[in-house]
PDB file of N, CA and C in Angstrom:
ATOM      1  N   UNK A   1      22.377 -77.794 119.604  1.00  0.00           N
ATOM      2  CA  UNK A   1      22.237 -77.033 118.378  1.00  0.00           C
ATOM      3  C   UNK A   1      21.676 -75.650 118.715  1.00  0.00           C
ATOM      4  N   UNK A   2      22.213 -74.649 118.129  1.00  0.00           N
ATOM      5  CA  UNK A   2      21.781 -73.266 118.328  1.00  0.00           C
ATOM      6  C   UNK A   2      20.991 -72.814 117.101  1.00  0.00           C
ATOM      7  N   UNK A   3      19.812 -72.244 117.347  1.00  0.00           N
ATOM      8  CA  UNK A   3      18.941 -71.837 116.239  1.00  0.00           C
ATOM      9  C   UNK A   3      18.491 -70.395 116.477  1.00  0.00           C
ATOM     10  N   UNK A   4      18.722 -69.518 115.510  1.00  0.00           N
ATOM     11  CA  UNK A   4      18.325 -68.111 115.597  1.00  0.00           C
ATOM     12  C   UNK A   4      17.252 -67.855 114.545  1.00  0.00           C
ATOM     13  N   UNK A   5      16.090 -67.352 115.008  1.00  0.00           N
ATOM     14  CA  UNK A   5      14.955 -67.119 114.107  1.00  0.00           C
ATOM     15  C   UNK A   5      14.334 -65.752 114.403  1.00  0.00           C
ATOM     16  N   UNK A   6      13.472 -65.316 113.516  1.00  0.00           N
ATOM     17  CA  UNK A   6      12.658 -64.108 113.702  1.00  0.00           C
ATOM     18  C   UNK A   6      13.492 -62.892 114.119  1.00  0.00           C
ATOM     19  N   UNK A   7      14.530 -62.612 113.380  1.00  0.00           N
ATOM     20  CA  UNK A   7      15.368 -61.462 113.704  1.00  0.00           C
ATOM     21  C   UNK A   7      14.704 -60.173 113.223  1.00  0.00           C
ATOM     22  N   UNK A   8      14.919 -59.122 113.975  1.00  0.00           N
ATOM     23  CA  UNK A   8      14.384 -57.810 113.633  1.00  0.00           C
ATOM     24  C   UNK A   8      15.393 -56.771 114.098  1.00  0.00           C
ATOM     25  N   UNK A   9      15.814 -55.882 113.209  1.00  0.00           N
ATOM     26  CA  UNK A   9      16.784 -54.843 113.534  1.00  0.00           C
ATOM     27  C   UNK A   9      16.072 -53.498 113.418  1.00  0.00           C
ATOM     28  N   UNK A  10      16.046 -52.737 114.503  1.00  0.00           N
ATOM     29  CA  UNK A  10      15.317 -51.468 114.540  1.00  0.00           C
ATOM     30  C   UNK A  10      16.222 -50.360 115.069  1.00  0.00           C
ATOM     31  N   UNK A  11      15.788 -49.132 114.875  1.00  0.00           N
ATOM     32  CA  UNK A  11      16.503 -47.978 115.404  1.00  0.00           C
ATOM     33  C   UNK A  11      17.428 -47.296 114.417  1.00  0.00           C
ATOM     34  N   UNK A  12      17.343 -47.655 113.152  1.00  0.00           N
ATOM     35  CA  UNK A  12      18.257 -47.083 112.163  1.00  0.00           C
ATOM     36  C   UNK A  12      18.075 -45.580 112.014  1.00  0.00           C
ATOM     37  N   UNK A  13      16.829 -45.129 111.962  1.00  0.00           N
ATOM     38  CA  UNK A  13      16.581 -43.697 111.755  1.00  0.00           C
ATOM     39  C   UNK A  13      17.143 -42.867 112.902  1.00  0.00           C
ATOM     40  N   UNK A  14      16.896 -43.288 114.122  1.00  0.00           N
ATOM     41  CA  UNK A  14      17.413 -42.562 115.294  1.00  0.00           C
ATOM     42  C   UNK A  14      18.936 -42.611 115.335  1.00  0.00           C
ATOM     43  N   UNK A  15      19.525 -43.736 114.967  1.00  0.00           N
ATOM     44  CA  UNK A  15      20.981 -43.860 114.974  1.00  0.00           C
ATOM     45  C   UNK A  15      21.624 -42.939 113.936  1.00  0.00           C
ATOM     46  N   UNK A  16      21.029 -42.868 112.756  1.00  0.00           N
ATOM     47  CA  UNK A  16      21.576 -42.002 111.707  1.00  0.00           C
ATOM     48  C   UNK A  16      21.446 -40.533 112.103  1.00  0.00           C
ATOM     49  N   UNK A  17      20.287 -40.168 112.651  1.00  0.00           N
ATOM     50  CA  UNK A  17      20.098 -38.796 113.103  1.00  0.00           C
ATOM     51  C   UNK A  17      21.092 -38.472 114.223  1.00  0.00           C
ATOM     52  N   UNK A  18      21.272 -39.398 115.155  1.00  0.00           N
ATOM     53  CA  UNK A  18      22.177 -39.190 116.277  1.00  0.00           C
ATOM     54  C   UNK A  18      23.636 -39.103 115.866  1.00  0.00           C
ATOM     55  N   UNK A  19      24.068 -39.879 114.894  1.00  0.00           N
ATOM     56  CA  UNK A  19      25.474 -39.831 114.496  1.00  0.00           C
ATOM     57  C   UNK A  19      25.803 -38.538 113.747  1.00  0.00           C
ATOM     58  N   UNK A  20      24.779 -37.881 113.192  1.00  0.00           N
ATOM     59  CA  UNK A  20      25.005 -36.623 112.486  1.00  0.00           C
ATOM     60  C   UNK A  20      24.828 -35.404 113.391  1.00  0.00           C
ATOM     61  N   UNK A  21      24.367 -35.591 114.633  1.00  0.00           N
ATOM     62  CA  UNK A  21      24.156 -34.471 115.546  1.00  0.00           C
ATOM     63  C   UNK A  21      25.413 -33.669 115.873  1.00  0.00           C
ATOM     64  N   UNK A  22      26.555 -34.293 116.204  1.00  0.00           N
ATOM     65  CA  UNK A  22      27.712 -33.503 116.636  1.00  0.00           C
ATOM     66  C   UNK A  22      28.184 -32.460 115.630  1.00  0.00           C
ATOM     67  N   UNK A  23      28.046 -32.754 114.345  1.00  0.00           N
ATOM     68  CA  UNK A  23      28.523 -31.814 113.322  1.00  0.00           C
ATOM     69  C   UNK A  23      27.372 -31.088 112.623  1.00  0.00           C
ATOM     70  N   UNK A  24      26.146 -31.259 113.110  1.00  0.00           N
ATOM     71  CA  UNK A  24      24.971 -30.641 112.477  1.00  0.00           C
ATOM     72  C   UNK A  24      24.926 -30.915 110.981  1.00  0.00           C
ATOM     73  N   UNK A  25      25.193 -32.158 110.596  1.00  0.00           N
ATOM     74  CA  UNK A  25      25.303 -32.501 109.171  1.00  0.00           C
ATOM     75  C   UNK A  25      24.102 -33.294 108.671  1.00  0.00           C
ATOM     76  N   UNK A  26      22.931 -33.006 109.196  1.00  0.00           N
ATOM     77  CA  UNK A  26      21.729 -33.744 108.782  1.00  0.00           C
ATOM     78  C   UNK A  26      21.463 -33.570 107.285  1.00  0.00           C
ATOM     79  N   UNK A  27      21.825 -32.415 106.724  1.00  0.00           N
ATOM     80  CA  UNK A  27      21.593 -32.163 105.298  1.00  0.00           C
ATOM     81  C   UNK A  27      22.370 -33.132 104.409  1.00  0.00           C
ATOM     82  N   UNK A  28      23.457 -33.697 104.924  1.00  0.00           N
ATOM     83  CA  UNK A  28      24.275 -34.617 104.132  1.00  0.00           C
ATOM     84  C   UNK A  28      23.728 -36.039 104.126  1.00  0.00           C
ATOM     85  N   UNK A  29      22.708 -36.304 104.905  1.00  0.00           N
ATOM     86  CA  UNK A  29      22.148 -37.648 104.970  1.00  0.00           C
ATOM     87  C   UNK A  29      21.450 -37.993 103.665  1.00  0.00           C
ATOM     88  N   UNK A  30      21.668 -39.231 103.204  1.00  0.00           N
ATOM     89  CA  UNK A  30      21.030 -39.673 101.963  1.00  0.00           C
ATOM     90  C   UNK A  30      20.271 -40.984 102.147  1.00  0.00           C
ATOM     91  N   UNK A  31      19.953 -41.336 103.391  1.00  0.00           N
ATOM     92  CA  UNK A  31      19.164 -42.531 103.673  1.00  0.00           C
ATOM     93  C   UNK A  31      17.685 -42.190 103.613  1.00  0.00           C
ATOM     94  N   UNK A  32      16.884 -43.175 103.187  1.00  0.00           N
ATOM     95  CA  UNK A  32      15.433 -42.956 103.147  1.00  0.00           C
ATOM     96  C   UNK A  32      14.730 -44.085 103.895  1.00  0.00           C
ATOM     97  N   UNK A  33      13.561 -43.766 104.410  1.00  0.00           N
ATOM     98  CA  UNK A  33      12.740 -44.705 105.157  1.00  0.00           C
ATOM     99  C   UNK A  33      11.378 -44.746 104.480  1.00  0.00           C
ATOM    100  N   UNK A  34      10.920 -45.936 104.091  1.00  0.00           N
ATOM    101  CA  UNK A  34       9.689 -46.083 103.322  1.00  0.00           C
ATOM    102  C   UNK A  34       8.648 -46.813 104.172  1.00  0.00           C
ATOM    103  N   UNK A  35       7.456 -46.245 104.215  1.00  0.00           N
ATOM    104  CA  UNK A  35       6.338 -46.871 104.921  1.00  0.00           C
ATOM    105  C   UNK A  35       5.058 -46.538 104.168  1.00  0.00           C
ATOM    106  N   UNK A  36       4.284 -47.559 103.857  1.00  0.00           N
ATOM    107  CA  UNK A  36       2.995 -47.404 103.179  1.00  0.00           C
ATOM    108  C   UNK A  36       3.106 -46.638 101.862  1.00  0.00           C
ATOM    109  N   UNK A  37       4.180 -46.886 101.097  1.00  0.00           N
ATOM    110  CA  UNK A  37       4.330 -46.255  99.793  1.00  0.00           C
ATOM    111  C   UNK A  37       4.818 -44.821  99.831  1.00  0.00           C
ATOM    112  N   UNK A  38       5.106 -44.286 101.017  1.00  0.00           N
ATOM    113  CA  UNK A  38       5.624 -42.922 101.170  1.00  0.00           C
ATOM    114  C   UNK A  38       7.031 -43.005 101.753  1.00  0.00           C
ATOM    115  N   UNK A  39       7.910 -42.100 101.350  1.00  0.00           N
ATOM    116  CA  UNK A  39       9.256 -42.080 101.903  1.00  0.00           C
ATOM    117  C   UNK A  39       9.439 -40.822 102.743  1.00  0.00           C
ATOM    118  N   UNK A  40      10.401 -40.869 103.651  1.00  0.00           N
ATOM    119  CA  UNK A  40      10.834 -39.687 104.383  1.00  0.00           C
ATOM    120  C   UNK A  40      12.300 -39.863 104.757  1.00  0.00           C
ATOM    121  N   UNK A  41      12.961 -38.756 105.038  1.00  0.00           N
ATOM    122  CA  UNK A  41      14.347 -38.813 105.486  1.00  0.00           C
ATOM    123  C   UNK A  41      14.479 -38.054 106.802  1.00  0.00           C
ATOM    124  N   UNK A  42      15.693 -37.965 107.338  1.00  0.00           N
ATOM    125  CA  UNK A  42      15.857 -37.337 108.645  1.00  0.00           C
ATOM    126  C   UNK A  42      15.766 -35.822 108.577  1.00  0.00           C
ATOM    127  N   UNK A  43      15.755 -35.252 107.385  1.00  0.00           N
ATOM    128  CA  UNK A  43      15.644 -33.794 107.228  1.00  0.00           C
ATOM    129  C   UNK A  43      14.201 -33.329 107.148  1.00  0.00           C
ATOM    130  N   UNK A  44      13.265 -34.264 107.101  1.00  0.00           N
ATOM    131  CA  UNK A  44      11.861 -33.894 107.015  1.00  0.00           C
ATOM    132  C   UNK A  44      11.299 -33.914 105.608  1.00  0.00           C
ATOM    133  N   UNK A  45      12.116 -34.240 104.619  1.00  0.00           N
ATOM    134  CA  UNK A  45      11.618 -34.364 103.249  1.00  0.00           C
ATOM    135  C   UNK A  45      10.787 -35.634 103.138  1.00  0.00           C
ATOM    136  N   UNK A  46       9.703 -35.572 102.386  1.00  0.00           N
ATOM    137  CA  UNK A  46       8.869 -36.752 102.213  1.00  0.00           C
ATOM    138  C   UNK A  46       8.120 -36.661 100.897  1.00  0.00           C
ATOM    139  N   UNK A  47       7.508 -37.777 100.523  1.00  0.00           N
ATOM    140  CA  UNK A  47       6.734 -37.826  99.291  1.00  0.00           C
ATOM    141  C   UNK A  47       6.464 -39.253  98.898  1.00  0.00           C
ATOM    142  N   UNK A  48       5.833 -39.461  97.758  1.00  0.00           N
ATOM    143  CA  UNK A  48       5.559 -40.829  97.316  1.00  0.00           C
ATOM    144  C   UNK A  48       6.848 -41.522  96.881  1.00  0.00           C
ATOM    145  N   UNK A  49       6.971 -42.786  97.238  1.00  0.00           N
ATOM    146  CA  UNK A  49       8.145 -43.571  96.848  1.00  0.00           C
ATOM    147  C   UNK A  49       7.911 -44.136  95.465  1.00  0.00           C
ATOM    148  N   UNK A  50       8.831 -43.894  94.546  1.00  0.00           N
ATOM    149  CA  UNK A  50       8.656 -44.289  93.150  1.00  0.00           C
ATOM    150  C   UNK A  50       9.299 -45.628  92.814  1.00  0.00           C
ATOM    151  N   UNK A  51       9.837 -46.327  93.807  1.00  0.00           N
ATOM    152  CA  UNK A  51      10.440 -47.632  93.560  1.00  0.00           C
ATOM    153  C   UNK A  51       9.394 -48.724  93.536  1.00  0.00           C
ATOM    154  N   UNK A  52       9.845 -49.951  93.446  1.00  0.00           N
ATOM    155  CA  UNK A  52       8.920 -51.075  93.455  1.00  0.00           C
ATOM    156  C   UNK A  52       8.686 -51.492  94.898  1.00  0.00           C
ATOM    157  N   UNK A  53       7.520 -51.173  95.413  1.00  0.00           N
ATOM    158  CA  UNK A  53       7.184 -51.494  96.793  1.00  0.00           C
ATOM    159  C   UNK A  53       5.677 -51.713  96.879  1.00  0.00           C
ATOM    160  N   UNK A  54       5.267 -52.643  97.713  1.00  0.00           N
ATOM    161  CA  UNK A  54       3.840 -52.831  97.925  1.00  0.00           C
ATOM    162  C   UNK A  54       3.348 -51.767  98.896  1.00  0.00           C
ATOM    163  N   UNK A  55       2.057 -51.567  98.956  1.00  0.00           N
ATOM    164  CA  UNK A  55       1.496 -50.509  99.799  1.00  0.00           C
ATOM    165  C   UNK A  55       1.713 -50.741 101.281  1.00  0.00           C
ATOM    166  N   UNK A  56       1.925 -51.980 101.705  1.00  0.00           N
ATOM    167  CA  UNK A  56       2.070 -52.263 103.128  1.00  0.00           C
ATOM    168  C   UNK A  56       3.509 -52.531 103.535  1.00  0.00           C
ATOM    169  N   UNK A  57       4.452 -52.449 102.595  1.00  0.00           N
ATOM    170  CA  UNK A  57       5.841 -52.769 102.891  1.00  0.00           C
ATOM    171  C   UNK A  57       6.531 -51.603 103.591  1.00  0.00           C
ATOM    172  N   UNK A  58       7.324 -51.920 104.601  1.00  0.00           N
ATOM    173  CA  UNK A  58       8.104 -50.926 105.327  1.00  0.00           C
ATOM    174  C   UNK A  58       9.569 -51.341 105.264  1.00  0.00           C
ATOM    175  N   UNK A  59      10.449 -50.435 104.864  1.00  0.00           N
ATOM    176  CA  UNK A  59      11.868 -50.736 104.823  1.00  0.00           C
ATOM    177  C   UNK A  59      12.673 -49.442 104.845  1.00  0.00           C
ATOM    178  N   UNK A  60      13.965 -49.565 104.951  1.00  0.00           N
ATOM    179  CA  UNK A  60      14.854 -48.417 104.913  1.00  0.00           C
ATOM    180  C   UNK A  60      15.990 -48.706 103.952  1.00  0.00           C
ATOM    181  N   UNK A  61      16.580 -47.658 103.458  1.00  0.00           N
ATOM    182  CA  UNK A  61      17.704 -47.784 102.541  1.00  0.00           C
ATOM    183  C   UNK A  61      18.800 -46.847 103.030  1.00  0.00           C
ATOM    184  N   UNK A  62      19.920 -47.419 103.462  1.00  0.00           N
ATOM    185  CA  UNK A  62      21.035 -46.606 103.955  1.00  0.00           C
ATOM    186  C   UNK A  62      21.779 -46.060 102.747  1.00  0.00           C
ATOM    187  N   UNK A  63      21.939 -44.749 102.721  1.00  0.00           N
ATOM    188  CA  UNK A  63      22.621 -44.101 101.610  1.00  0.00           C
ATOM    189  C   UNK A  63      24.128 -44.261 101.678  1.00  0.00           C
ATOM    190  N   UNK A  64      24.771 -43.968 100.571  1.00  0.00           N
ATOM    191  CA  UNK A  64      26.220 -44.127 100.469  1.00  0.00           C
ATOM    192  C   UNK A  64      26.965 -43.198 101.426  1.00  0.00           C
ATOM    193  N   UNK A  65      26.512 -41.951 101.552  1.00  0.00           N
ATOM    194  CA  UNK A  65      27.178 -41.000 102.454  1.00  0.00           C
ATOM    195  C   UNK A  65      27.036 -41.415 103.912  1.00  0.00           C
ATOM    196  N   UNK A  66      25.841 -41.871 104.298  1.00  0.00           N
ATOM    197  CA  UNK A  66      25.631 -42.314 105.676  1.00  0.00           C
ATOM    198  C   UNK A  66      26.450 -43.563 105.975  1.00  0.00           C
ATOM    199  N   UNK A  67      26.516 -44.488 105.031  1.00  0.00           N
ATOM    200  CA  UNK A  67      27.287 -45.710 105.233  1.00  0.00           C
ATOM    201  C   UNK A  67      28.774 -45.393 105.379  1.00  0.00           C
ATOM    202  N   UNK A  68      29.267 -44.437 104.587  1.00  0.00           N
ATOM    203  CA  UNK A  68      30.666 -44.032 104.687  1.00  0.00           C
ATOM    204  C   UNK A  68      30.954 -43.412 106.061  1.00  0.00           C
ATOM    205  N   UNK A  69      30.044 -42.569 106.544  1.00  0.00           N
ATOM    206  CA  UNK A  69      30.223 -41.972 107.869  1.00  0.00           C
ATOM    207  C   UNK A  69      30.187 -43.042 108.953  1.00  0.00           C
ATOM    208  N   UNK A  70      29.292 -44.014 108.834  1.00  0.00           N
ATOM    209  CA  UNK A  70      29.234 -45.111 109.806  1.00  0.00           C
ATOM    210  C   UNK A  70      30.554 -45.864 109.875  1.00  0.00           C
ATOM    211  N   UNK A  71      31.133 -46.152 108.718  1.00  0.00           N
ATOM    212  CA  UNK A  71      32.413 -46.875 108.698  1.00  0.00           C
ATOM    213  C   UNK A  71      33.529 -46.046 109.316  1.00  0.00           C
ATOM    214  N   UNK A  72      33.552 -44.743 109.011  1.00  0.00           N
ATOM    215  CA  UNK A  72      34.609 -43.894 109.573  1.00  0.00           C
ATOM    216  C   UNK A  72      34.477 -43.749 111.084  1.00  0.00           C
ATOM    217  N   UNK A  73      33.250 -43.612 111.583  1.00  0.00           N
ATOM    218  CA  UNK A  73      33.045 -43.513 113.024  1.00  0.00           C
ATOM    219  C   UNK A  73      33.396 -44.828 113.723  1.00  0.00           C
ATOM    220  N   UNK A  74      33.038 -45.945 113.110  1.00  0.00           N
ATOM    221  CA  UNK A  74      33.376 -47.251 113.684  1.00  0.00           C
ATOM    222  C   UNK A  74      34.881 -47.408 113.822  1.00  0.00           C
ATOM    223  N   UNK A  75      35.616 -47.003 112.793  1.00  0.00           N
ATOM    224  CA  UNK A  75      37.068 -47.151 112.806  1.00  0.00           C
ATOM    225  C   UNK A  75      37.757 -46.152 113.732  1.00  0.00           C
ATOM    226  N   UNK A  76      37.065 -45.077 114.121  1.00  0.00           N
ATOM    227  CA  UNK A  76      37.674 -44.032 114.947  1.00  0.00           C
ATOM    228  C   UNK A  76      37.769 -44.414 116.419  1.00  0.00           C
ATOM    229  N   UNK A  77      37.084 -45.450 116.843  1.00  0.00           N
ATOM    230  CA  UNK A  77      37.199 -45.893 118.229  1.00  0.00           C
ATOM    231  C   UNK A  77      35.880 -45.874 118.972  1.00  0.00           C
ATOM    232  N   UNK A  78      35.922 -46.340 120.214  1.00  0.00           N
ATOM    233  CA  UNK A  78      34.701 -46.532 120.991  1.00  0.00           C
ATOM    234  C   UNK A  78      33.986 -45.224 121.299  1.00  0.00           C
ATOM    235  N   UNK A  79      34.686 -44.141 121.472  1.00  0.00           N
ATOM    236  CA  UNK A  79      34.024 -42.864 121.759  1.00  0.00           C
ATOM    237  C   UNK A  79      33.229 -42.346 120.574  1.00  0.00           C
ATOM    238  N   UNK A  80      33.602 -42.739 119.382  1.00  0.00           N
ATOM    239  CA  UNK A  80      32.954 -42.221 118.176  1.00  0.00           C
ATOM    240  C   UNK A  80      31.868 -43.141 117.630  1.00  0.00           C
ATOM    241  N   UNK A  81      31.867 -44.392 118.038  1.00  0.00           N
ATOM    242  CA  UNK A  81      30.883 -45.337 117.502  1.00  0.00           C
ATOM    243  C   UNK A  81      29.674 -45.513 118.405  1.00  0.00           C
ATOM    244  N   UNK A  82      29.372 -44.518 119.205  1.00  0.00           N
ATOM    245  CA  UNK A  82      28.242 -44.606 120.128  1.00  0.00           C
ATOM    246  C   UNK A  82      26.901 -44.699 119.411  1.00  0.00           C
ATOM    247  N   UNK A  83      26.829 -44.261 118.159  1.00  0.00           N
ATOM    248  CA  UNK A  83      25.570 -44.359 117.413  1.00  0.00           C
ATOM    249  C   UNK A  83      25.103 -45.805 117.299  1.00  0.00           C
ATOM    250  N   UNK A  84      26.024 -46.754 117.361  1.00  0.00           N
ATOM    251  CA  UNK A  84      25.673 -48.166 117.229  1.00  0.00           C
ATOM    252  C   UNK A  84      24.838 -48.654 118.410  1.00  0.00           C
ATOM    253  N   UNK A  85      24.904 -47.963 119.544  1.00  0.00           N
ATOM    254  CA  UNK A  85      24.120 -48.356 120.712  1.00  0.00           C
ATOM    255  C   UNK A  85      22.628 -48.137 120.492  1.00  0.00           C
ATOM    256  N   UNK A  86      22.274 -47.303 119.527  1.00  0.00           N
ATOM    257  CA  UNK A  86      20.873 -47.008 119.259  1.00  0.00           C
ATOM    258  C   UNK A  86      20.233 -48.044 118.338  1.00  0.00           C
ATOM    259  N   UNK A  87      21.035 -48.908 117.721  1.00  0.00           N
ATOM    260  CA  UNK A  87      20.527 -49.955 116.839  1.00  0.00           C
ATOM    261  C   UNK A  87      20.273 -51.199 117.683  1.00  0.00           C
ATOM    262  N   UNK A  88      19.037 -51.664 117.691  1.00  0.00           N
ATOM    263  CA  UNK A  88      18.644 -52.787 118.534  1.00  0.00           C
ATOM    264  C   UNK A  88      18.307 -53.995 117.661  1.00  0.00           C
ATOM    265  N   UNK A  89      18.786 -55.162 118.074  1.00  0.00           N
ATOM    266  CA  UNK A  89      18.525 -56.408 117.363  1.00  0.00           C
ATOM    267  C   UNK A  89      17.691 -57.312 118.263  1.00  0.00           C
ATOM    268  N   UNK A  90      16.550 -57.752 117.747  1.00  0.00           N
ATOM    269  CA  UNK A  90      15.698 -58.708 118.447  1.00  0.00           C
ATOM    270  C   UNK A  90      15.768 -60.031 117.708  1.00  0.00           C
ATOM    271  N   UNK A  91      15.813 -61.135 118.462  1.00  0.00           N
ATOM    272  CA  UNK A  91      15.860 -62.457 117.833  1.00  0.00           C
ATOM    273  C   UNK A  91      15.343 -63.505 118.806  1.00  0.00           C
ATOM    274  N   UNK A  92      14.779 -64.559 118.252  1.00  0.00           N
ATOM    275  CA  UNK A  92      14.399 -65.730 119.036  1.00  0.00           C
ATOM    276  C   UNK A  92      15.538 -66.727 118.934  1.00  0.00           C
ATOM    277  N   UNK A  93      16.064 -67.139 120.082  1.00  0.00           N
ATOM    278  CA  UNK A  93      17.186 -68.094 120.105  1.00  0.00           C
ATOM    279  C   UNK A  93      16.703 -69.370 120.763  1.00  0.00           C
ATOM    280  N   UNK A  94      16.881 -70.477 120.063  1.00  0.00           N
ATOM    281  CA  UNK A  94      16.590 -71.805 120.613  1.00  0.00           C
ATOM    282  C   UNK A  94      17.931 -72.486 120.846  1.00  0.00           C
ATOM    283  N   UNK A  95      18.175 -72.844 122.106  1.00  0.00           N
ATOM    284  CA  UNK A  95      19.451 -73.440 122.454  1.00  0.00           C
ATOM    285  C   UNK A  95      19.241 -74.462 123.580  1.00  0.00           C
ATOM    286  N   UNK A  96      20.186 -75.349 123.789  1.00  0.00           N
ATOM    287  CA  UNK A  96      20.085 -76.302 124.895  1.00  0.00           C
ATOM    288  C   UNK A  96      20.130 -75.581 126.246  1.00  0.00           C
ATOM    289  N   UNK A  97      19.571 -76.186 127.280  1.00  0.00           N
ATOM    290  CA  UNK A  97      19.546 -75.561 128.606  1.00  0.00           C
ATOM    291  C   UNK A  97      20.948 -75.291 129.154  1.00  0.00           C
ATOM    292  N   UNK A  98      21.911 -76.124 128.830  1.00  0.00           N
ATOM    293  CA  UNK A  98      23.274 -75.956 129.375  1.00  0.00           C
ATOM    294  C   UNK A  98      24.019 -74.782 128.721  1.00  0.00           C
ATOM    295  N   UNK A  99      23.439 -74.207 127.685  1.00  0.00           N
ATOM    296  CA  UNK A  99      24.114 -73.113 126.985  1.00  0.00           C
ATOM    297  C   UNK A  99      24.078 -71.942 127.852  1.00  0.00           C
TER     298      UNK A  99
END
């Protein structure tokens, strides 16, 4: 039996910033990153987050424009989807020794 637990996906902010580097299109980014009740984006804008969040919660929200660019780069081929290499997934895997 294969069991995957404690997954964690990191590197979204760096990946979004990196995928927008070739065209200098950081201004078009609409993703936000929230930590300790404050938000920031890749352009340096920040302020209090007005959504429903606890003071210790940390999360990110991928915007519609960034998600559209991610899909287009993914479909364009391996040379264009290099931003995905910056997204790292950590997980605990429990599996039999013969696996």
